[in-house]
Protein backbone atom coordinates (compact mmCIF):
# COMPACT_ATOMS: atom_id res chain seq x y z
CA MET A 1 91.21 -37.68 246.71
CA LYS A 2 89.17 -36.37 249.34
CA LYS A 3 85.84 -37.81 250.06
CA ILE A 4 83.16 -35.28 249.47
CA VAL A 5 79.40 -35.74 250.50
CA ILE A 6 76.81 -33.02 249.52
CA ILE A 7 73.24 -33.03 250.83
CA GLY A 8 70.91 -31.71 248.13
CA ALA A 9 70.07 -32.99 245.06
CA GLY A 10 68.43 -29.88 243.55
CA ALA A 11 69.78 -27.89 240.97
CA MET A 12 72.63 -25.81 243.50
CA GLY A 13 73.92 -28.95 244.80
CA SER A 14 73.73 -31.31 242.05
CA ALA A 15 75.81 -29.04 240.09
CA PHE A 16 78.28 -27.91 242.56
CA SER A 17 79.25 -32.00 242.71
CA VAL A 18 80.51 -31.38 238.58
CA PRO A 19 84.04 -29.25 239.53
CA CYS A 20 84.32 -31.60 242.73
CA ALA A 21 84.31 -34.42 240.72
CA ASP A 22 86.50 -32.92 237.90
CA ASN A 23 89.31 -32.03 240.83
CA SER A 24 89.60 -36.27 241.26
CA ASN A 25 87.68 -36.02 244.48
CA GLU A 26 85.01 -39.53 245.10
CA VAL A 27 81.20 -37.50 245.32
CA ILE A 28 78.44 -37.91 246.66
CA LEU A 29 75.20 -36.44 246.01
CA VAL A 30 73.07 -37.17 248.28
CA GLY A 31 69.18 -36.21 247.92
CA SER A 32 66.87 -34.86 250.71
CA PHE A 33 64.38 -36.95 252.18
CA LEU A 34 62.20 -34.79 249.46
CA GLU A 35 64.14 -35.87 246.72
CA ASP A 36 63.16 -39.40 245.78
CA LYS A 37 61.68 -39.04 243.24
CA LEU A 38 64.30 -36.66 241.23
CA ILE A 39 67.12 -39.34 242.30
CA ASP A 40 65.39 -41.99 240.46
CA GLN A 41 65.16 -39.86 237.51
CA ILE A 42 68.94 -38.94 237.76
CA ASN A 43 70.28 -42.72 238.29
CA ASN A 44 67.59 -43.70 235.59
CA ASN A 45 68.88 -41.54 232.94
CA LYS A 46 72.86 -42.00 233.72
CA ASN A 47 72.86 -39.14 235.71
CA LEU A 48 71.20 -36.64 233.67
CA HIS A 49 69.72 -34.03 235.94
CA PRO A 50 66.12 -33.10 235.15
CA VAL A 51 66.30 -29.23 236.18
CA LEU A 52 69.80 -29.05 235.33
CA ASN A 53 69.00 -30.80 231.81
CA CYS A 54 72.81 -31.83 231.69
CA GLN A 55 75.04 -35.05 232.44
CA LEU A 56 76.56 -35.60 235.65
CA PRO A 57 79.99 -36.76 235.73
CA LYS A 58 79.27 -40.83 235.73
CA ASP A 59 81.77 -41.18 238.63
CA ILE A 60 79.37 -39.21 241.00
CA LYS A 61 77.39 -41.64 243.27
CA VAL A 62 73.93 -39.83 243.30
CA ILE A 63 71.78 -41.71 246.18
CA LYS A 64 68.09 -41.06 248.41
CA PHE A 65 69.23 -40.22 251.46
CA SER A 66 67.34 -43.90 252.84
CA GLU A 67 70.49 -45.09 250.87
CA PHE A 68 72.89 -42.96 253.20
CA ASP A 69 74.57 -45.62 255.19
CA ASN A 70 77.00 -45.63 258.37
CA LYS A 71 79.75 -46.58 255.49
CA MET A 72 79.62 -43.80 252.98
CA LYS A 73 79.70 -41.46 256.80
CA GLU A 74 83.04 -42.83 257.45
CA ASN A 75 86.13 -40.72 256.55
CA VAL A 76 84.52 -37.42 254.91
CA ASP A 77 86.48 -34.49 254.57
CA LEU A 78 83.96 -31.89 253.30
CA ILE A 79 79.83 -32.19 253.90
CA VAL A 80 78.49 -29.92 251.40
CA VAL A 81 74.81 -28.57 252.61
CA GLY A 82 72.89 -27.82 249.33
CA VAL A 83 69.70 -27.29 250.91
CA ASN A 84 66.42 -25.10 250.89
CA SER A 85 67.11 -22.97 253.90
CA LYS A 86 63.81 -24.15 255.18
CA GLY A 87 65.89 -27.65 255.91
CA ILE A 88 68.57 -26.20 258.12
CA GLU A 89 66.80 -27.98 261.31
CA TRP A 90 66.62 -31.05 259.62
CA ILE A 91 70.24 -31.02 258.05
CA GLY A 92 71.33 -29.82 261.62
CA GLU A 93 70.14 -33.02 263.22
CA GLU A 94 70.69 -35.18 260.38
CA VAL A 95 74.42 -34.31 260.27
CA SER A 96 74.77 -34.40 264.32
CA LYS A 97 74.45 -38.03 263.81
CA PHE A 98 77.56 -38.32 262.23
CA TYR A 99 79.53 -35.73 261.91
CA ASN A 100 83.37 -35.65 263.00
CA GLU A 101 85.06 -32.67 263.96
CA ASN A 102 88.13 -33.08 261.93
CA THR A 103 85.31 -32.06 259.35
CA ASN A 104 84.79 -29.43 257.55
CA ILE A 105 81.04 -28.06 256.34
CA LEU A 106 80.74 -25.68 253.39
CA LEU A 107 77.35 -24.21 253.20
CA LEU A 108 75.78 -23.38 249.79
CA THR A 109 72.66 -22.65 251.66
CA LYS A 110 72.05 -18.51 251.45
CA GLY A 111 69.30 -17.01 253.90
CA LEU A 112 69.02 -15.48 257.10
CA ALA A 113 66.82 -15.88 260.13
CA VAL A 114 65.48 -14.24 263.07
CA ILE A 115 66.15 -16.56 266.53
CA GLU A 116 65.00 -14.93 269.79
CA ASN A 117 64.32 -11.28 268.49
CA GLN A 118 67.86 -11.43 267.20
CA PHE A 119 69.42 -12.39 263.19
CA GLU A 120 71.06 -14.91 262.60
CA THR A 121 73.07 -16.23 259.88
CA LEU A 122 72.20 -20.02 258.61
CA ALA A 123 76.24 -21.00 259.86
CA ASP A 124 75.22 -19.12 263.23
CA LYS A 125 71.98 -21.32 262.95
CA LEU A 126 73.73 -24.52 262.01
CA GLU A 127 76.45 -24.26 264.74
CA LYS A 128 74.03 -24.09 267.53
CA ILE A 129 72.38 -27.24 266.66
CA LEU A 130 75.67 -29.00 266.00
CA LYS A 131 76.56 -27.65 269.44
CA ARG A 132 73.48 -28.74 270.91
CA LYS A 133 73.47 -31.98 269.93
CA GLY A 134 77.45 -32.45 271.12
CA ALA A 135 79.78 -30.87 268.45
CA THR A 136 82.21 -28.53 270.66
CA ASN A 137 83.83 -26.83 267.52
CA PRO A 138 81.82 -27.33 264.26
CA LYS A 139 83.95 -25.90 260.91
CA ILE A 140 81.24 -24.00 259.03
CA SER A 141 82.33 -22.25 256.31
CA ALA A 142 80.13 -20.70 253.71
CA VAL A 143 80.06 -20.06 249.61
CA GLY A 144 78.59 -16.42 247.71
CA GLY A 145 79.07 -15.17 244.28
CA PRO A 146 77.56 -14.92 241.35
CA CYS A 147 77.51 -18.26 240.27
CA LEU A 148 73.74 -19.84 238.77
CA ALA A 149 73.62 -23.43 238.67
CA ASN A 150 73.24 -24.21 234.85
CA GLY A 151 76.19 -22.14 234.24
CA LEU A 152 78.41 -23.84 236.66
CA ALA A 153 76.61 -27.47 235.55
CA ASN A 154 78.01 -26.77 232.09
CA ARG A 155 81.97 -25.68 233.43
CA ILE A 156 81.27 -21.82 232.61
CA LYS A 157 84.36 -20.15 234.40
CA SER A 158 82.85 -19.19 237.39
CA SER A 159 83.94 -17.33 240.65
CA VAL A 160 83.28 -17.41 244.45
CA VAL A 161 84.45 -16.45 247.61
CA ILE A 162 84.24 -18.96 250.49
CA ALA A 163 84.14 -17.66 254.34
CA ASN A 164 85.63 -18.28 257.48
CA LYS A 165 86.78 -16.59 260.37
CA ASN A 166 89.65 -18.95 260.23
CA ILE A 167 91.16 -18.49 256.76
CA GLU A 168 93.13 -21.45 256.55
CA ILE A 169 90.23 -23.42 256.23
CA VAL A 170 88.69 -22.35 253.54
CA LYS A 171 92.15 -22.28 251.65
CA GLU A 172 92.23 -26.01 252.49
CA ILE A 173 88.58 -26.77 250.82
CA GLY A 174 89.45 -23.79 247.84
CA LYS A 175 92.44 -26.54 247.13
CA ILE A 176 89.81 -29.70 247.26
CA ILE A 177 86.75 -27.81 245.05
CA SER A 178 88.86 -25.14 242.62
CA THR A 179 89.51 -26.04 238.86
CA LYS A 180 89.93 -24.25 236.00
CA TYR A 181 86.68 -23.05 235.29
CA TYR A 182 85.90 -23.02 239.16
CA SER A 183 88.33 -20.36 241.31
CA THR A 184 87.65 -19.72 244.95
CA GLU A 185 88.88 -16.18 246.64
CA PHE A 186 89.00 -16.59 250.45
CA SER A 187 87.33 -13.73 253.27
CA LYS A 188 87.09 -14.12 257.05
CA ASP A 189 84.22 -11.95 256.71
CA ILE A 190 81.66 -14.99 256.99
CA VAL A 191 79.06 -12.55 258.48
CA GLY A 192 79.29 -10.07 255.36
CA VAL A 193 79.33 -13.16 253.35
CA GLU A 194 76.07 -14.72 254.20
CA VAL A 195 74.46 -11.33 254.72
CA CYS A 196 75.74 -10.53 251.16
CA ALA A 197 74.10 -13.92 249.66
CA ALA A 198 70.67 -13.53 251.60
CA ILE A 199 69.88 -9.91 251.00
CA LYS A 200 70.66 -9.89 247.52
CA ASN A 201 67.90 -11.61 246.49
CA ILE A 202 65.58 -9.55 247.94
CA TYR A 203 67.67 -6.45 246.01
CA SER A 204 67.39 -8.66 242.95
CA MET A 205 63.47 -8.30 242.76
CA LEU A 206 63.67 -4.80 242.98
CA ILE A 207 65.77 -4.51 239.86
CA GLY A 208 63.88 -7.30 238.29
CA ALA A 209 61.18 -4.74 238.72
CA SER A 210 63.16 -1.80 236.75
CA VAL A 211 60.54 -2.07 233.25
CA GLY A 212 57.79 -1.22 235.06
CA LEU A 213 59.87 1.83 237.71
CA SER A 214 60.98 2.99 234.27
CA SER A 215 58.17 5.59 233.95
CA ASP A 216 55.00 6.52 235.00
CA ASN A 217 54.04 7.38 232.00
CA ALA A 218 55.70 5.60 228.80
CA ASP A 219 53.68 2.93 227.27
CA ASP A 220 54.95 -0.98 227.79
CA ASN A 221 57.33 -0.76 224.44
CA ILE A 222 59.23 2.32 225.29
CA LYS A 223 59.29 1.49 228.86
CA SER A 224 60.74 -2.01 227.60
CA LYS A 225 63.49 -0.79 225.08
CA TYR A 226 64.75 2.25 227.58
CA TYR A 227 64.80 1.07 231.62
CA LEU A 228 68.33 0.89 232.03
CA ASN A 229 68.88 4.20 233.27
CA THR A 230 66.48 2.52 235.86
CA ALA A 231 67.89 -0.54 236.50
CA ALA A 232 71.30 1.16 236.85
CA SER A 233 69.74 3.68 239.53
CA LEU A 234 68.41 0.81 241.35
CA VAL A 235 71.56 -1.08 241.34
CA HIS A 236 73.68 2.22 242.73
CA LYS A 237 71.01 2.48 245.33
CA SER A 238 70.92 -1.16 245.88
CA MET A 239 74.99 -1.47 246.71
CA SER A 240 74.53 1.73 248.78
CA GLU A 241 71.84 0.17 250.88
CA MET A 242 73.70 -3.15 251.02
CA ARG A 243 76.47 -1.73 252.48
CA LYS A 244 74.43 0.00 255.56
CA ILE A 245 72.63 -3.94 256.26
CA VAL A 246 75.77 -5.42 256.22
CA LYS A 247 77.27 -2.93 258.65
CA LYS A 248 74.67 -2.75 260.81
CA LEU A 249 74.72 -6.83 261.51
CA ASN A 250 78.60 -6.32 262.48
CA GLY A 251 79.99 -7.83 258.62
CA ASN A 252 82.70 -6.14 256.61
CA GLU A 253 81.37 -3.41 254.58
CA GLU A 254 84.02 -4.04 251.40
CA THR A 255 82.53 -7.45 251.41
CA VAL A 256 79.73 -5.59 249.46
CA TYR A 257 81.65 -4.52 246.84
CA GLY A 258 83.01 -8.08 245.96
CA LEU A 259 81.63 -11.27 244.47
CA ALA A 260 79.27 -11.82 247.21
CA GLY A 261 77.56 -8.75 246.87
CA LEU A 262 77.91 -6.43 243.69
CA GLY A 263 79.10 -10.20 241.57
CA ASP A 264 76.15 -12.17 242.94
CA LEU A 265 73.75 -9.36 242.77
CA HIS A 266 74.26 -8.84 238.93
CA VAL A 267 74.17 -11.86 237.81
CA SER A 268 71.32 -12.45 240.26
CA ALA A 269 69.48 -9.11 239.06
CA ALA A 270 69.70 -10.45 235.30
CA GLY A 271 67.82 -13.27 235.17
CA GLY A 272 66.50 -16.02 237.24
CA ARG A 273 63.57 -16.46 239.98
CA ASN A 274 63.81 -13.20 242.36
CA SER A 275 63.97 -10.74 239.39
CA LYS A 276 61.24 -12.85 237.53
CA MET A 277 59.35 -11.76 240.51
CA GLY A 278 60.38 -8.48 240.46
CA ASN A 279 59.34 -8.25 236.97
CA TYR A 280 55.94 -9.15 237.95
CA LEU A 281 55.87 -6.63 241.05
CA GLY A 282 57.26 -3.49 239.05
CA LYS A 283 54.41 -3.74 236.52
CA GLY A 284 51.76 -3.34 239.19
CA MET A 285 50.88 -6.74 240.34
CA LEU A 286 50.62 -7.76 244.02
CA PHE A 287 52.92 -10.37 245.28
CA LEU A 288 50.40 -13.01 246.50
CA ASP A 289 48.47 -12.55 242.43
CA ALA A 290 51.82 -12.80 240.93
CA LYS A 291 53.19 -16.10 243.28
CA GLU A 292 49.54 -17.89 242.30
CA GLU A 293 49.41 -16.70 238.59
CA HIS A 294 53.05 -17.09 237.75
CA MET A 295 55.05 -18.56 240.10
CA LYS A 296 52.83 -20.42 242.06
CA GLU A 297 54.96 -24.22 242.50
CA ILE A 298 58.47 -22.46 242.28
CA THR A 299 60.84 -21.14 245.31
CA ILE A 300 61.22 -17.49 245.19
CA GLU A 301 64.53 -17.09 247.49
CA GLY A 302 63.97 -13.36 247.96
CA ALA A 303 60.52 -13.46 249.06
CA GLU A 304 61.12 -16.13 251.67
CA LEU A 305 64.18 -13.98 253.07
CA ALA A 306 61.86 -10.91 252.91
CA LEU A 307 58.82 -13.05 254.90
CA GLU A 308 61.38 -14.20 257.74
CA ILE A 309 63.10 -10.98 258.30
CA GLY A 310 60.73 -8.20 257.20
CA PRO A 311 58.69 -7.47 260.00
CA LYS A 312 61.59 -7.49 262.13
CA ILE A 313 63.00 -4.99 259.76
CA LEU A 314 59.56 -2.73 259.09
CA ARG A 315 59.19 -2.11 262.86
CA GLU A 316 63.02 -1.93 263.99
CA PHE A 317 65.16 0.35 261.26
CA ASP A 318 64.75 3.88 260.27
CA LYS A 319 62.86 3.84 256.61
CA ASN A 320 64.84 7.00 255.55
CA GLU A 321 67.47 5.11 255.70
CA PHE A 322 66.91 1.90 253.70
CA PRO A 323 63.87 3.60 251.55
CA LEU A 324 64.30 0.60 248.70
CA LEU A 325 64.37 -2.09 251.55
CA PHE A 326 61.26 -0.68 252.73
CA SER A 327 59.23 -0.43 249.54
CA MET A 328 60.28 -3.95 248.43
CA LEU A 329 59.18 -5.87 252.24
CA ASP A 330 55.97 -3.62 252.26
CA ALA A 331 55.30 -5.28 248.71
CA ILE A 332 55.86 -8.85 249.91
CA CYS A 333 54.70 -8.83 253.39
CA ASN A 334 52.06 -6.93 253.16
CA ASN A 335 50.81 -7.65 249.86
CA LYS A 336 51.10 -4.46 248.79
CA LYS A 337 51.78 -2.30 245.63
CA LEU A 338 55.50 -2.10 244.86
CA ILE A 339 55.88 1.93 244.96
CA ILE A 340 59.79 3.60 244.53
CA TYR A 341 59.65 6.99 245.81
CA TRP A 342 62.42 8.64 243.78
C-alpha cells in the first residue's frame, strides 16, 4: 500500500482517486483553497461527487486544504496535482513546504506557459518553483491521453501515457495507479506529452467547429447530417500542425500519433467544453459573445491556452506553416469570426 495525496477535488482529480483507491492505496483527496464548498458537498453525501455524479470509494479521505495537516503530509509516496493550470504557482508554493525529494509528483494539469518570452511546460514551471524553494532534484512526471473524468470515475476502460525523462520513475508510478480498467504506457518524451496534452485543446475547438465550417451554402440540417467529411479533413490537418509544433518545441514527433496526441484529440473533439465552444465559433459567433451567452461560468482550457500562448505564436510563427492554428488564435485572441482558408 502506498500513500497518495491528490490536490484538487475537481472532476479529474476526483476521478483519478478511483483507480488509486481500487489499487489498495491510502488516498487523500485534498480540495484547493477554492473548493471548501465542494468538499462539504462530497462529505455530506457519503462521497457522492456532485460534478461527476457518482460515488467515490468510501475509503478515500476527502478533506479541505485547511485540514491538510502535518501528519497527512508525512511519508507521501505520490503527490498528484489536479488543480487548474492557473493554480500551478500556488501548488508549487504549498508543495514546497513539505516536499520530500524521494516523493514522486504527477501532473494531471495540462497547459503551456510563456515565461520570459519562452514556451515552458507546466512541469518546467513547477520544477523552477520547487527549486527556488530549495528542492534540488524534484521528480515531476506528466500524464496525457484520452481519459475523460466521468468515464474514469465510472471505471470505463481507459489508457494514458505517463512521461518522465527517467523511464524508471514512470514505471514505478504505473505500478501504483494501474488497474484492469486504467492502463498506463510510459514515455521519456515529457515535452512532447505535455505539448500534445495542452495544444490538442485548441485543435479540438477547431474540430468542434466542423458543422458550421462544412459548407458556405448548405442549410443547417444538411450540415448537421454530413459534416463528417469536414471533421475528418480537420483532424488530418490538425495532426500535421501538432507534429510541427511538438518538433518546434523540442519534443518527439512520434508522440503526436500516440495517446497524448491523436488519442486525446479524438476524445476531446468528440465532446466536452472545448468542442462545444468550437461549435459556437463554427456557427459564426464571436468568442466573447459565445462565452458570455453560453459558457460564462465554464472553464474552456483551449481558449485559456490560446490567450496564454497565442500572442507569441501570432508574432513569431509562420502563418503559412500553421494556418489552422492561426485561424483559431485569431478568433480567440482578437475576437474575430472563425474563418478557415481551405
